[in-house]
Amino acid sequence: MSKRVLLLFSLVILVAISGQAPSEQPKSNQLGQPAPIGLQSPKELAKARLELARQAFAVMKLNQERGVARGDHDLWSLRLMEEERNASGNKAERIAAVQAHLDRVKKWEAETARLFKGGEVDLMLYMDTQWKRLEAESLLAKEKEEPQGSL
């Protein structure tokens, strides 16, 4: 796949996720700040990871607006989902976090299918995106099956 096609694909994906990023996006002056060091409690660490994932989405959006894109959106979506689940207070919030991840992956899959049909991306990238959607659907099914009180 050419560098131009990868850049185009990344830009399209970032446009798709820009509306899916959490509402609590960090301000641009907070971006690039080092992650806290010396946190001890699991709650503090989880909060720091969640904030970092939100910052990553904000950076991806800024990069997309500047015409600089990277293809690691799926990794950050998964990280964001995990930290939203960890920070959740109940089963409904955990399910919502996984559903938001699945929604993002479905958008990427649809865009990848379009690009594949147009010959702009290869079969392996298309298959990889399908795998990620199936994986997200599995995560959602498992989350829904979990008993109410388990984390």
N, C-alpha and C. Protein backbone atom coordinates (compact mmCIF):
# COMPACT_ATOMS: atom_id res chain seq x y z
N MET A 1 0.85 -1.16 0.00
CA MET A 1 0.00 0.00 0.00
C MET A 1 0.90 1.23 0.00
N SER A 2 0.56 2.16 -0.83
CA SER A 2 1.38 3.37 -0.94
C SER A 2 1.19 4.26 0.28
N LYS A 3 2.16 5.11 0.50
CA LYS A 3 2.11 6.04 1.63
C LYS A 3 0.90 6.97 1.49
N ARG A 4 0.61 7.39 0.25
CA ARG A 4 -0.51 8.29 0.01
C ARG A 4 -1.84 7.63 0.37
N VAL A 5 -2.00 6.35 0.00
CA VAL A 5 -3.23 5.63 0.31
C VAL A 5 -3.37 5.46 1.82
N LEU A 6 -2.27 5.12 2.50
CA LEU A 6 -2.31 4.97 3.95
C LEU A 6 -2.69 6.29 4.61
N LEU A 7 -2.14 7.39 4.14
CA LEU A 7 -2.49 8.70 4.69
C LEU A 7 -3.96 9.00 4.45
N LEU A 8 -4.44 8.73 3.24
CA LEU A 8 -5.85 8.96 2.93
C LEU A 8 -6.74 8.12 3.83
N PHE A 9 -6.39 6.84 3.97
CA PHE A 9 -7.17 5.94 4.81
C PHE A 9 -7.18 6.44 6.26
N SER A 10 -6.03 6.83 6.76
CA SER A 10 -5.95 7.33 8.14
C SER A 10 -6.78 8.59 8.33
N LEU A 11 -6.74 9.48 7.35
CA LEU A 11 -7.54 10.70 7.45
C LEU A 11 -9.03 10.40 7.48
N VAL A 12 -9.46 9.49 6.63
CA VAL A 12 -10.88 9.14 6.59
C VAL A 12 -11.30 8.51 7.90
N ILE A 13 -10.47 7.64 8.43
CA ILE A 13 -10.78 7.00 9.70
C ILE A 13 -10.84 8.03 10.82
N LEU A 14 -9.93 8.95 10.84
CA LEU A 14 -9.93 9.96 11.89
C LEU A 14 -11.14 10.87 11.79
N VAL A 15 -11.58 11.15 10.58
CA VAL A 15 -12.81 11.92 10.42
C VAL A 15 -13.97 11.14 11.01
N ALA A 16 -13.98 9.83 10.77
CA ALA A 16 -15.06 8.99 11.29
C ALA A 16 -15.06 8.95 12.80
N ILE A 17 -13.87 8.93 13.42
CA ILE A 17 -13.84 8.83 14.88
C ILE A 17 -13.95 10.17 15.57
N SER A 18 -13.77 11.24 14.83
CA SER A 18 -13.77 12.54 15.50
C SER A 18 -15.08 12.80 16.23
N GLY A 19 -16.17 12.30 15.72
CA GLY A 19 -17.45 12.44 16.40
C GLY A 19 -17.65 11.41 17.48
N GLN A 20 -16.79 10.40 17.55
CA GLN A 20 -16.93 9.33 18.52
C GLN A 20 -16.05 9.52 19.74
N ALA A 21 -15.19 10.50 19.71
CA ALA A 21 -14.30 10.71 20.84
C ALA A 21 -15.11 11.14 22.05
N PRO A 22 -14.61 10.87 23.22
CA PRO A 22 -15.35 11.21 24.44
C PRO A 22 -15.63 12.70 24.54
N SER A 23 -16.72 13.01 25.20
CA SER A 23 -17.10 14.41 25.33
C SER A 23 -16.14 15.18 26.23
N GLU A 24 -15.44 14.49 27.07
CA GLU A 24 -14.51 15.14 27.99
C GLU A 24 -13.13 15.25 27.34
N GLN A 25 -13.06 15.85 26.17
CA GLN A 25 -11.78 15.98 25.49
C GLN A 25 -10.91 17.00 26.22
N PRO A 26 -9.63 16.70 26.31
CA PRO A 26 -8.73 17.65 26.97
C PRO A 26 -8.54 18.90 26.13
N LYS A 27 -8.23 20.00 26.80
CA LYS A 27 -7.92 21.24 26.10
C LYS A 27 -6.56 21.09 25.42
N SER A 28 -6.36 21.81 24.33
CA SER A 28 -5.12 21.65 23.57
C SER A 28 -3.88 22.00 24.40
N ASN A 29 -4.02 22.86 25.40
CA ASN A 29 -2.85 23.19 26.23
C ASN A 29 -2.50 22.05 27.19
N GLN A 30 -3.40 21.08 27.35
CA GLN A 30 -3.12 19.92 28.19
C GLN A 30 -2.42 18.82 27.40
N LEU A 31 -2.50 18.88 26.08
CA LEU A 31 -1.92 17.83 25.26
C LEU A 31 -0.40 17.89 25.32
N GLY A 32 0.20 16.73 25.31
CA GLY A 32 1.65 16.66 25.33
C GLY A 32 2.26 16.74 26.71
N GLN A 33 1.42 16.90 27.72
CA GLN A 33 1.93 16.92 29.09
C GLN A 33 2.31 15.48 29.47
N PRO A 34 3.40 15.31 30.20
CA PRO A 34 3.79 13.96 30.58
C PRO A 34 2.74 13.31 31.48
N ALA A 35 2.58 12.02 31.32
CA ALA A 35 1.68 11.28 32.20
C ALA A 35 2.24 11.34 33.62
N PRO A 36 1.37 11.37 34.60
CA PRO A 36 1.83 11.46 35.99
C PRO A 36 2.74 10.30 36.37
N ILE A 37 3.67 10.58 37.23
CA ILE A 37 4.60 9.57 37.74
C ILE A 37 4.36 9.42 39.24
N GLY A 38 4.51 8.22 39.74
CA GLY A 38 4.43 7.99 41.17
C GLY A 38 3.03 7.73 41.70
N LEU A 39 2.07 7.53 40.81
CA LEU A 39 0.73 7.20 41.27
C LEU A 39 0.76 5.81 41.90
N GLN A 40 -0.01 5.63 42.96
CA GLN A 40 0.05 4.37 43.69
C GLN A 40 -1.24 3.56 43.59
N SER A 41 -2.35 4.21 43.72
CA SER A 41 -3.60 3.45 43.80
C SER A 41 -4.09 3.04 42.41
N PRO A 42 -4.74 1.90 42.33
CA PRO A 42 -5.31 1.48 41.05
C PRO A 42 -6.28 2.53 40.48
N LYS A 43 -7.01 3.21 41.36
CA LYS A 43 -7.96 4.22 40.89
C LYS A 43 -7.23 5.40 40.24
N GLU A 44 -6.15 5.87 40.88
CA GLU A 44 -5.36 6.97 40.30
C GLU A 44 -4.74 6.56 38.97
N LEU A 45 -4.23 5.35 38.91
CA LEU A 45 -3.60 4.86 37.68
C LEU A 45 -4.62 4.72 36.56
N ALA A 46 -5.80 4.20 36.90
CA ALA A 46 -6.86 4.06 35.89
C ALA A 46 -7.29 5.42 35.36
N LYS A 47 -7.41 6.39 36.26
CA LYS A 47 -7.80 7.74 35.85
C LYS A 47 -6.75 8.33 34.92
N ALA A 48 -5.48 8.11 35.22
CA ALA A 48 -4.39 8.63 34.38
C ALA A 48 -4.41 7.97 33.00
N ARG A 49 -4.66 6.66 32.95
CA ARG A 49 -4.73 5.97 31.66
C ARG A 49 -5.91 6.45 30.84
N LEU A 50 -7.05 6.65 31.50
CA LEU A 50 -8.23 7.15 30.80
C LEU A 50 -7.96 8.53 30.22
N GLU A 51 -7.35 9.40 31.00
CA GLU A 51 -7.03 10.75 30.53
C GLU A 51 -6.06 10.70 29.35
N LEU A 52 -5.08 9.81 29.43
CA LEU A 52 -4.11 9.69 28.33
C LEU A 52 -4.79 9.19 27.06
N ALA A 53 -5.71 8.24 27.18
CA ALA A 53 -6.44 7.76 26.00
C ALA A 53 -7.29 8.88 25.39
N ARG A 54 -7.92 9.67 26.24
CA ARG A 54 -8.70 10.81 25.73
C ARG A 54 -7.78 11.82 25.04
N GLN A 55 -6.62 12.06 25.61
CA GLN A 55 -5.66 12.97 24.99
C GLN A 55 -5.20 12.43 23.63
N ALA A 56 -5.01 11.12 23.55
CA ALA A 56 -4.58 10.52 22.28
C ALA A 56 -5.62 10.77 21.19
N PHE A 57 -6.90 10.63 21.53
CA PHE A 57 -7.95 10.91 20.55
C PHE A 57 -7.92 12.38 20.14
N ALA A 58 -7.68 13.27 21.09
CA ALA A 58 -7.60 14.70 20.75
C ALA A 58 -6.40 14.98 19.85
N VAL A 59 -5.28 14.34 20.12
CA VAL A 59 -4.09 14.52 19.28
C VAL A 59 -4.35 13.98 17.88
N MET A 60 -4.99 12.81 17.78
CA MET A 60 -5.30 12.26 16.46
C MET A 60 -6.19 13.21 15.67
N LYS A 61 -7.14 13.84 16.37
CA LYS A 61 -8.02 14.79 15.68
C LYS A 61 -7.23 16.01 15.21
N LEU A 62 -6.37 16.54 16.07
CA LEU A 62 -5.53 17.68 15.67
C LEU A 62 -4.62 17.32 14.50
N ASN A 63 -4.01 16.14 14.56
CA ASN A 63 -3.14 15.70 13.47
C ASN A 63 -3.92 15.57 12.17
N GLN A 64 -5.13 15.06 12.26
CA GLN A 64 -5.97 14.91 11.08
C GLN A 64 -6.27 16.28 10.47
N GLU A 65 -6.54 17.26 11.32
CA GLU A 65 -6.81 18.62 10.84
C GLU A 65 -5.58 19.24 10.19
N ARG A 66 -4.40 18.82 10.62
CA ARG A 66 -3.14 19.34 10.07
C ARG A 66 -2.66 18.54 8.86
N GLY A 67 -3.37 17.45 8.55
CA GLY A 67 -2.97 16.62 7.42
C GLY A 67 -1.91 15.59 7.75
N VAL A 68 -1.68 15.37 9.04
CA VAL A 68 -0.73 14.35 9.48
C VAL A 68 -1.53 13.28 10.20
N ALA A 69 -1.44 12.05 9.71
CA ALA A 69 -2.25 11.00 10.32
C ALA A 69 -1.41 9.75 10.54
N ARG A 70 -1.82 8.97 11.53
CA ARG A 70 -1.21 7.68 11.81
C ARG A 70 -2.31 6.65 11.87
N GLY A 71 -1.96 5.42 11.64
CA GLY A 71 -2.97 4.37 11.57
C GLY A 71 -3.17 3.58 12.84
N ASP A 72 -2.89 4.14 14.01
CA ASP A 72 -3.04 3.39 15.25
C ASP A 72 -4.33 3.73 16.00
N HIS A 73 -5.32 4.20 15.28
CA HIS A 73 -6.61 4.57 15.88
C HIS A 73 -7.27 3.38 16.57
N ASP A 74 -7.15 2.19 15.99
CA ASP A 74 -7.79 1.02 16.58
C ASP A 74 -7.18 0.67 17.94
N LEU A 75 -5.88 0.80 18.07
CA LEU A 75 -5.23 0.53 19.34
C LEU A 75 -5.71 1.51 20.41
N TRP A 76 -5.80 2.79 20.07
CA TRP A 76 -6.25 3.78 21.04
C TRP A 76 -7.73 3.64 21.34
N SER A 77 -8.52 3.19 20.37
CA SER A 77 -9.93 2.94 20.64
C SER A 77 -10.08 1.82 21.66
N LEU A 78 -9.29 0.77 21.48
CA LEU A 78 -9.32 -0.35 22.42
C LEU A 78 -8.86 0.09 23.81
N ARG A 79 -7.81 0.88 23.87
CA ARG A 79 -7.33 1.39 25.16
C ARG A 79 -8.38 2.27 25.83
N LEU A 80 -9.00 3.13 25.05
CA LEU A 80 -10.04 4.00 25.60
C LEU A 80 -11.20 3.16 26.14
N MET A 81 -11.61 2.16 25.37
CA MET A 81 -12.70 1.29 25.81
C MET A 81 -12.35 0.62 27.14
N GLU A 82 -11.15 0.08 27.23
CA GLU A 82 -10.73 -0.60 28.46
C GLU A 82 -10.77 0.34 29.66
N GLU A 83 -10.27 1.54 29.48
CA GLU A 83 -10.23 2.47 30.61
C GLU A 83 -11.61 3.01 30.95
N GLU A 84 -12.47 3.18 29.96
CA GLU A 84 -13.85 3.58 30.26
C GLU A 84 -14.56 2.46 31.01
N ARG A 85 -14.29 1.23 30.64
CA ARG A 85 -14.87 0.09 31.38
C ARG A 85 -14.34 0.07 32.80
N ASN A 86 -13.04 0.25 32.95
CA ASN A 86 -12.44 0.22 34.29
C ASN A 86 -12.99 1.34 35.17
N ALA A 87 -13.26 2.49 34.58
CA ALA A 87 -13.75 3.64 35.34
C ALA A 87 -15.26 3.60 35.57
N SER A 88 -15.92 2.67 34.94
CA SER A 88 -17.38 2.63 35.01
C SER A 88 -17.85 2.27 36.41
N GLY A 89 -19.04 2.74 36.71
CA GLY A 89 -19.62 2.46 38.01
C GLY A 89 -20.65 1.35 37.99
N ASN A 90 -21.02 0.91 36.79
CA ASN A 90 -22.04 -0.13 36.71
C ASN A 90 -21.97 -0.85 35.36
N LYS A 91 -22.77 -1.89 35.26
CA LYS A 91 -22.79 -2.72 34.05
C LYS A 91 -23.20 -1.92 32.82
N ALA A 92 -24.17 -1.04 32.94
CA ALA A 92 -24.63 -0.25 31.79
C ALA A 92 -23.50 0.62 31.23
N GLU A 93 -22.69 1.21 32.10
CA GLU A 93 -21.56 2.03 31.64
C GLU A 93 -20.50 1.17 30.97
N ARG A 94 -20.27 -0.04 31.50
CA ARG A 94 -19.29 -0.93 30.87
C ARG A 94 -19.77 -1.34 29.48
N ILE A 95 -21.05 -1.65 29.37
CA ILE A 95 -21.61 -2.02 28.06
C ILE A 95 -21.52 -0.83 27.11
N ALA A 96 -21.81 0.36 27.59
CA ALA A 96 -21.74 1.56 26.73
C ALA A 96 -20.31 1.79 26.22
N ALA A 97 -19.31 1.54 27.05
CA ALA A 97 -17.92 1.71 26.62
C ALA A 97 -17.57 0.74 25.49
N VAL A 98 -17.99 -0.51 25.64
CA VAL A 98 -17.71 -1.50 24.60
C VAL A 98 -18.51 -1.19 23.34
N GLN A 99 -19.75 -0.75 23.51
CA GLN A 99 -20.58 -0.41 22.35
C GLN A 99 -19.97 0.76 21.58
N ALA A 100 -19.44 1.74 22.27
CA ALA A 100 -18.81 2.88 21.59
C ALA A 100 -17.60 2.42 20.78
N HIS A 101 -16.83 1.50 21.34
CA HIS A 101 -15.68 0.93 20.61
C HIS A 101 -16.18 0.19 19.37
N LEU A 102 -17.20 -0.64 19.54
CA LEU A 102 -17.75 -1.38 18.39
C LEU A 102 -18.25 -0.42 17.32
N ASP A 103 -18.92 0.64 17.72
CA ASP A 103 -19.42 1.63 16.75
C ASP A 103 -18.27 2.25 15.96
N ARG A 104 -17.17 2.56 16.64
CA ARG A 104 -16.01 3.13 15.94
C ARG A 104 -15.44 2.11 14.95
N VAL A 105 -15.32 0.86 15.39
CA VAL A 105 -14.76 -0.18 14.52
C VAL A 105 -15.65 -0.43 13.31
N LYS A 106 -16.96 -0.39 13.50
CA LYS A 106 -17.87 -0.59 12.37
C LYS A 106 -17.70 0.51 11.32
N LYS A 107 -17.50 1.73 11.77
CA LYS A 107 -17.25 2.82 10.81
C LYS A 107 -15.97 2.58 10.04
N TRP A 108 -14.92 2.14 10.75
CA TRP A 108 -13.65 1.86 10.07
C TRP A 108 -13.82 0.72 9.08
N GLU A 109 -14.58 -0.30 9.48
CA GLU A 109 -14.79 -1.44 8.57
C GLU A 109 -15.52 -0.99 7.31
N ALA A 110 -16.54 -0.18 7.46
CA ALA A 110 -17.29 0.30 6.29
C ALA A 110 -16.38 1.11 5.37
N GLU A 111 -15.56 1.96 5.94
CA GLU A 111 -14.65 2.77 5.12
C GLU A 111 -13.59 1.89 4.46
N THR A 112 -13.08 0.91 5.19
CA THR A 112 -12.10 0.00 4.61
C THR A 112 -12.71 -0.81 3.47
N ALA A 113 -13.95 -1.25 3.63
CA ALA A 113 -14.63 -1.99 2.57
C ALA A 113 -14.74 -1.13 1.32
N ARG A 114 -15.09 0.13 1.51
CA ARG A 114 -15.20 1.04 0.36
C ARG A 114 -13.85 1.20 -0.33
N LEU A 115 -12.81 1.40 0.46
CA LEU A 115 -11.48 1.56 -0.11
C LEU A 115 -10.99 0.27 -0.78
N PHE A 116 -11.32 -0.88 -0.19
CA PHE A 116 -10.92 -2.16 -0.78
C PHE A 116 -11.62 -2.36 -2.12
N LYS A 117 -12.90 -2.09 -2.17
CA LYS A 117 -13.65 -2.24 -3.42
C LYS A 117 -13.11 -1.32 -4.51
N GLY A 118 -12.58 -0.19 -4.11
CA GLY A 118 -11.99 0.75 -5.07
C GLY A 118 -10.53 0.45 -5.38
N GLY A 119 -10.00 -0.62 -4.79
CA GLY A 119 -8.62 -1.00 -5.05
C GLY A 119 -7.59 -0.14 -4.35
N GLU A 120 -8.02 0.61 -3.33
CA GLU A 120 -7.11 1.53 -2.65
C GLU A 120 -6.40 0.92 -1.45
N VAL A 121 -6.93 -0.18 -0.92
CA VAL A 121 -6.26 -0.90 0.17
C VAL A 121 -6.25 -2.38 -0.19
N ASP A 122 -5.33 -3.11 0.42
CA ASP A 122 -5.22 -4.53 0.07
C ASP A 122 -6.15 -5.40 0.91
N LEU A 123 -6.25 -6.66 0.50
CA LEU A 123 -7.15 -7.61 1.14
C LEU A 123 -6.81 -7.81 2.60
N MET A 124 -5.54 -7.86 2.94
CA MET A 124 -5.16 -8.10 4.33
C MET A 124 -5.62 -6.98 5.26
N LEU A 125 -5.56 -5.75 4.82
CA LEU A 125 -6.05 -4.64 5.64
C LEU A 125 -7.55 -4.76 5.84
N TYR A 126 -8.25 -5.12 4.77
CA TYR A 126 -9.70 -5.30 4.86
C TYR A 126 -10.03 -6.45 5.83
N MET A 127 -9.30 -7.56 5.71
CA MET A 127 -9.54 -8.69 6.61
C MET A 127 -9.21 -8.32 8.05
N ASP A 128 -8.16 -7.55 8.26
CA ASP A 128 -7.78 -7.12 9.60
C ASP A 128 -8.90 -6.29 10.23
N THR A 129 -9.49 -5.42 9.45
CA THR A 129 -10.58 -4.58 9.96
C THR A 129 -11.80 -5.44 10.30
N GLN A 130 -12.08 -6.44 9.47
CA GLN A 130 -13.19 -7.34 9.76
C GLN A 130 -12.93 -8.10 11.07
N TRP A 131 -11.68 -8.54 11.25
CA TRP A 131 -11.31 -9.24 12.48
C TRP A 131 -11.57 -8.34 13.69
N LYS A 132 -11.18 -7.10 13.59
CA LYS A 132 -11.35 -6.18 14.71
C LYS A 132 -12.82 -5.94 15.03
N ARG A 133 -13.67 -5.91 14.00
CA ARG A 133 -15.10 -5.78 14.25
C ARG A 133 -15.65 -7.02 14.95
N LEU A 134 -15.26 -8.21 14.48
CA LEU A 134 -15.69 -9.45 15.13
C LEU A 134 -15.20 -9.51 16.58
N GLU A 135 -13.98 -9.07 16.79
CA GLU A 135 -13.42 -9.02 18.14
C GLU A 135 -14.23 -8.08 19.03
N ALA A 136 -14.57 -6.91 18.52
CA ALA A 136 -15.37 -5.95 19.29
C ALA A 136 -16.77 -6.49 19.57
N GLU A 137 -17.36 -7.18 18.60
CA GLU A 137 -18.67 -7.79 18.82
C GLU A 137 -18.58 -8.87 19.90
N SER A 138 -17.49 -9.63 19.91
CA SER A 138 -17.29 -10.65 20.95
C SER A 138 -17.15 -10.01 22.32
N LEU A 139 -16.39 -8.93 22.39
CA LEU A 139 -16.24 -8.22 23.66
C LEU A 139 -17.58 -7.72 24.19
N LEU A 140 -18.40 -7.20 23.29
CA LEU A 140 -19.71 -6.70 23.69
C LEU A 140 -20.60 -7.84 24.18
N ALA A 141 -20.60 -8.96 23.45
CA ALA A 141 -21.41 -10.11 23.86
C ALA A 141 -20.98 -10.61 25.24
N LYS A 142 -19.68 -10.68 25.47
CA LYS A 142 -19.17 -11.13 26.78
C LYS A 142 -19.55 -10.15 27.88
N GLU A 143 -19.44 -8.86 27.58
CA GLU A 143 -19.78 -7.85 28.59
C GLU A 143 -21.25 -7.95 28.97
N LYS A 144 -22.10 -8.18 27.99
CA LYS A 144 -23.53 -8.30 28.26
C LYS A 144 -23.85 -9.55 29.07
N GLU A 145 -23.05 -10.60 28.92
CA GLU A 145 -23.28 -11.85 29.65
C GLU A 145 -22.76 -11.80 31.08
N GLU A 146 -21.83 -10.89 31.37
CA GLU A 146 -21.25 -10.80 32.70
C GLU A 146 -22.34 -10.49 33.73
N PRO A 147 -22.27 -11.14 34.89
CA PRO A 147 -23.22 -10.80 35.95
C PRO A 147 -23.08 -9.34 36.36
N GLN A 148 -24.13 -8.77 36.89
CA GLN A 148 -24.20 -7.35 37.25
C GLN A 148 -23.04 -6.90 38.13
N GLY A 149 -22.68 -7.64 39.13
CA GLY A 149 -21.69 -7.17 40.11
C GLY A 149 -20.25 -7.44 39.75
N SER A 150 -19.97 -8.22 38.71
CA SER A 150 -18.57 -8.57 38.42
C SER A 150 -17.89 -7.50 37.60
N LEU A 151 -16.60 -7.35 37.79
CA LEU A 151 -15.80 -6.39 37.03
C LEU A 151 -14.69 -7.09 36.33
